[in-house]
Amino acid sequence: MQRSRSEFDGDRQRRHLPLEYETAENRFEIPCSMCGTKYYFDENGKLDLETAMAEGGENNFVCVECEADEEMAAHGN
């Protein structure tokens, strides 16, 4: 008997990563707070960022590239 992948992965959490292009699911545009590159989030990601912005007052999203650059600069490389 064959089983579908959803039966195996049904309890796994999906990672909702931002994308540099818009899709049907990732349709909410939010720029990186450091470089300004536009990224697209799903509804859950957008709500998480809006909650953080309401608490902190500013956009705290940093893209992977800027985060890596910042980490390298912090380590002196």
N, C-alpha and C. Protein backbone atom coordinates (compact mmCIF):
# COMPACT_ATOMS: atom_id res chain seq x y z
N MET A 1 0.84 -1.18 0.00
CA MET A 1 0.00 0.00 0.00
C MET A 1 0.88 1.24 0.00
N GLN A 2 0.64 2.13 -0.94
CA GLN A 2 1.39 3.38 -1.01
C GLN A 2 0.78 4.43 -0.09
N ARG A 3 1.65 5.25 0.45
CA ARG A 3 1.20 6.33 1.31
C ARG A 3 1.64 7.66 0.71
N SER A 4 0.83 8.65 0.90
CA SER A 4 1.20 9.96 0.36
C SER A 4 2.21 10.64 1.27
N ARG A 5 2.94 11.57 0.68
CA ARG A 5 3.94 12.30 1.46
C ARG A 5 3.30 13.03 2.63
N SER A 6 2.09 13.54 2.44
CA SER A 6 1.43 14.29 3.53
C SER A 6 1.20 13.41 4.75
N GLU A 7 1.07 12.11 4.54
CA GLU A 7 0.92 11.21 5.68
C GLU A 7 2.21 11.13 6.49
N PHE A 8 3.34 11.22 5.82
CA PHE A 8 4.63 11.17 6.50
C PHE A 8 4.99 12.52 7.11
N ASP A 9 4.66 13.60 6.42
CA ASP A 9 5.07 14.93 6.83
C ASP A 9 3.94 15.76 7.43
N GLY A 10 2.84 15.14 7.77
CA GLY A 10 1.68 15.87 8.25
C GLY A 10 1.91 16.64 9.54
N ASP A 11 2.82 16.16 10.37
CA ASP A 11 3.05 16.83 11.63
C ASP A 11 4.28 17.74 11.61
N ARG A 12 4.93 17.87 10.47
CA ARG A 12 6.09 18.75 10.36
C ARG A 12 5.64 20.18 10.15
N GLN A 13 6.32 21.10 10.80
CA GLN A 13 6.01 22.50 10.60
C GLN A 13 6.64 22.97 9.30
N ARG A 14 5.87 23.72 8.54
CA ARG A 14 6.41 24.30 7.31
C ARG A 14 7.13 25.59 7.67
N ARG A 15 8.27 25.78 7.07
CA ARG A 15 9.01 27.03 7.27
C ARG A 15 8.50 28.02 6.25
N HIS A 16 8.10 29.15 6.71
CA HIS A 16 7.59 30.20 5.83
C HIS A 16 8.68 31.24 5.63
N LEU A 17 9.50 31.02 4.63
CA LEU A 17 10.61 31.91 4.37
C LEU A 17 10.20 32.98 3.37
N PRO A 18 10.72 34.19 3.53
CA PRO A 18 10.42 35.24 2.56
C PRO A 18 11.13 34.94 1.24
N LEU A 19 10.53 35.41 0.16
CA LEU A 19 11.08 35.21 -1.17
C LEU A 19 11.34 36.56 -1.83
N GLU A 20 12.25 36.60 -2.80
CA GLU A 20 12.52 37.84 -3.53
C GLU A 20 11.55 38.04 -4.68
N TYR A 21 10.62 37.14 -4.85
CA TYR A 21 9.61 37.25 -5.90
C TYR A 21 8.25 36.91 -5.31
N GLU A 22 7.24 37.47 -5.92
CA GLU A 22 5.88 37.28 -5.43
C GLU A 22 5.30 35.97 -5.94
N THR A 23 4.61 35.27 -5.05
CA THR A 23 3.89 34.05 -5.42
C THR A 23 2.46 34.20 -4.91
N ALA A 24 1.63 33.21 -5.20
CA ALA A 24 0.25 33.25 -4.72
C ALA A 24 0.21 33.26 -3.19
N GLU A 25 1.12 32.54 -2.56
CA GLU A 25 1.16 32.47 -1.10
C GLU A 25 1.95 33.63 -0.50
N ASN A 26 3.09 33.95 -1.09
CA ASN A 26 3.94 35.04 -0.59
C ASN A 26 3.62 36.30 -1.40
N ARG A 27 2.64 37.05 -0.94
CA ARG A 27 2.18 38.21 -1.72
C ARG A 27 2.29 39.53 -0.97
N PHE A 28 2.83 39.50 0.24
CA PHE A 28 2.94 40.71 1.04
C PHE A 28 4.37 41.24 1.00
N GLU A 29 4.54 42.42 0.41
CA GLU A 29 5.86 42.99 0.19
C GLU A 29 6.36 43.74 1.43
N ILE A 30 7.58 43.39 1.85
CA ILE A 30 8.22 44.07 2.97
C ILE A 30 9.69 44.23 2.61
N PRO A 31 10.23 45.44 2.70
CA PRO A 31 11.64 45.64 2.35
C PRO A 31 12.58 45.28 3.50
N CYS A 32 13.78 44.91 3.15
CA CYS A 32 14.83 44.68 4.14
C CYS A 32 15.13 46.03 4.79
N SER A 33 15.26 46.06 6.09
CA SER A 33 15.49 47.33 6.79
C SER A 33 16.90 47.87 6.56
N MET A 34 17.81 47.05 6.03
CA MET A 34 19.19 47.51 5.81
C MET A 34 19.45 47.90 4.35
N CYS A 35 19.09 47.02 3.41
CA CYS A 35 19.41 47.29 2.00
C CYS A 35 18.21 47.75 1.18
N GLY A 36 17.01 47.54 1.69
CA GLY A 36 15.81 47.98 0.99
C GLY A 36 15.30 47.02 -0.06
N THR A 37 15.95 45.87 -0.23
CA THR A 37 15.49 44.88 -1.20
C THR A 37 14.11 44.40 -0.80
N LYS A 38 13.22 44.31 -1.78
CA LYS A 38 11.85 43.88 -1.50
C LYS A 38 11.78 42.37 -1.38
N TYR A 39 11.15 41.92 -0.32
CA TYR A 39 10.90 40.50 -0.10
C TYR A 39 9.40 40.31 0.07
N TYR A 40 8.95 39.11 -0.24
CA TYR A 40 7.52 38.81 -0.17
C TYR A 40 7.28 37.73 0.88
N PHE A 41 6.34 38.02 1.77
CA PHE A 41 6.01 37.14 2.88
C PHE A 41 4.62 36.56 2.71
N ASP A 42 4.40 35.42 3.35
CA ASP A 42 3.05 34.88 3.43
C ASP A 42 2.32 35.64 4.53
N GLU A 43 1.06 35.33 4.71
CA GLU A 43 0.24 36.08 5.68
C GLU A 43 0.77 35.93 7.11
N ASN A 44 1.20 34.73 7.47
CA ASN A 44 1.73 34.52 8.83
C ASN A 44 3.00 35.33 9.07
N GLY A 45 3.88 35.36 8.10
CA GLY A 45 5.11 36.14 8.23
C GLY A 45 4.82 37.62 8.33
N LYS A 46 3.86 38.08 7.54
CA LYS A 46 3.48 39.50 7.57
C LYS A 46 2.91 39.87 8.94
N LEU A 47 2.07 39.02 9.48
CA LEU A 47 1.49 39.29 10.79
C LEU A 47 2.56 39.31 11.89
N ASP A 48 3.52 38.39 11.80
CA ASP A 48 4.62 38.37 12.77
C ASP A 48 5.42 39.67 12.73
N LEU A 49 5.73 40.13 11.51
CA LEU A 49 6.48 41.37 11.37
C LEU A 49 5.68 42.58 11.84
N GLU A 50 4.38 42.60 11.52
CA GLU A 50 3.54 43.71 11.96
C GLU A 50 3.47 43.77 13.48
N THR A 51 3.39 42.62 14.12
CA THR A 51 3.37 42.57 15.58
C THR A 51 4.68 43.12 16.15
N ALA A 52 5.79 42.70 15.57
CA ALA A 52 7.11 43.17 16.03
C ALA A 52 7.25 44.67 15.79
N MET A 53 6.74 45.16 14.65
CA MET A 53 6.81 46.60 14.36
C MET A 53 5.95 47.40 15.32
N ALA A 54 4.80 46.86 15.70
CA ALA A 54 3.91 47.55 16.63
C ALA A 54 4.57 47.67 18.01
N GLU A 55 5.31 46.67 18.39
CA GLU A 55 5.98 46.68 19.69
C GLU A 55 7.25 47.54 19.67
N GLY A 56 8.02 47.43 18.59
CA GLY A 56 9.30 48.13 18.53
C GLY A 56 9.26 49.44 17.77
N GLY A 57 8.26 49.65 16.95
CA GLY A 57 8.13 50.90 16.22
C GLY A 57 8.89 50.99 14.91
N GLU A 58 9.63 49.96 14.55
CA GLU A 58 10.37 50.01 13.30
C GLU A 58 10.43 48.64 12.64
N ASN A 59 10.74 48.64 11.35
CA ASN A 59 10.87 47.40 10.59
C ASN A 59 12.14 46.70 11.05
N ASN A 60 12.03 45.50 11.57
CA ASN A 60 13.20 44.76 12.05
C ASN A 60 13.59 43.61 11.14
N PHE A 61 13.01 43.54 9.94
CA PHE A 61 13.35 42.47 9.01
C PHE A 61 14.68 42.76 8.35
N VAL A 62 15.61 41.81 8.44
CA VAL A 62 16.90 41.89 7.78
C VAL A 62 17.05 40.66 6.92
N CYS A 63 17.35 40.86 5.63
CA CYS A 63 17.46 39.73 4.70
C CYS A 63 18.69 38.88 5.03
N VAL A 64 18.74 37.72 4.45
CA VAL A 64 19.82 36.76 4.72
C VAL A 64 21.18 37.34 4.33
N GLU A 65 21.25 38.04 3.20
CA GLU A 65 22.52 38.60 2.74
C GLU A 65 23.03 39.66 3.71
N CYS A 66 22.17 40.57 4.12
CA CYS A 66 22.58 41.63 5.06
C CYS A 66 22.94 41.04 6.42
N GLU A 67 22.21 40.03 6.82
CA GLU A 67 22.50 39.37 8.09
C GLU A 67 23.88 38.73 8.05
N ALA A 68 24.22 38.08 6.93
CA ALA A 68 25.53 37.45 6.79
C ALA A 68 26.63 38.52 6.76
N ASP A 69 26.39 39.63 6.05
CA ASP A 69 27.38 40.71 6.00
C ASP A 69 27.60 41.30 7.39
N GLU A 70 26.53 41.50 8.12
CA GLU A 70 26.61 42.05 9.47
C GLU A 70 27.38 41.10 10.40
N GLU A 71 27.12 39.81 10.25
CA GLU A 71 27.81 38.83 11.09
C GLU A 71 29.31 38.79 10.77
N MET A 72 29.64 38.86 9.48
CA MET A 72 31.06 38.87 9.09
C MET A 72 31.75 40.12 9.63
N ALA A 73 31.09 41.25 9.57
CA ALA A 73 31.68 42.50 10.07
C ALA A 73 31.86 42.43 11.59
N ALA A 74 30.93 41.80 12.27
CA ALA A 74 31.04 41.68 13.72
C ALA A 74 32.21 40.80 14.14
N HIS A 75 32.54 39.82 13.29
CA HIS A 75 33.65 38.92 13.60
C HIS A 75 34.97 39.40 13.02
N GLY A 76 34.94 40.54 12.34
CA GLY A 76 36.16 41.11 11.81
C GLY A 76 36.71 40.44 10.58
N ASN A 77 35.86 39.76 9.83
CA ASN A 77 36.33 39.08 8.60
C ASN A 77 36.09 39.95 7.43
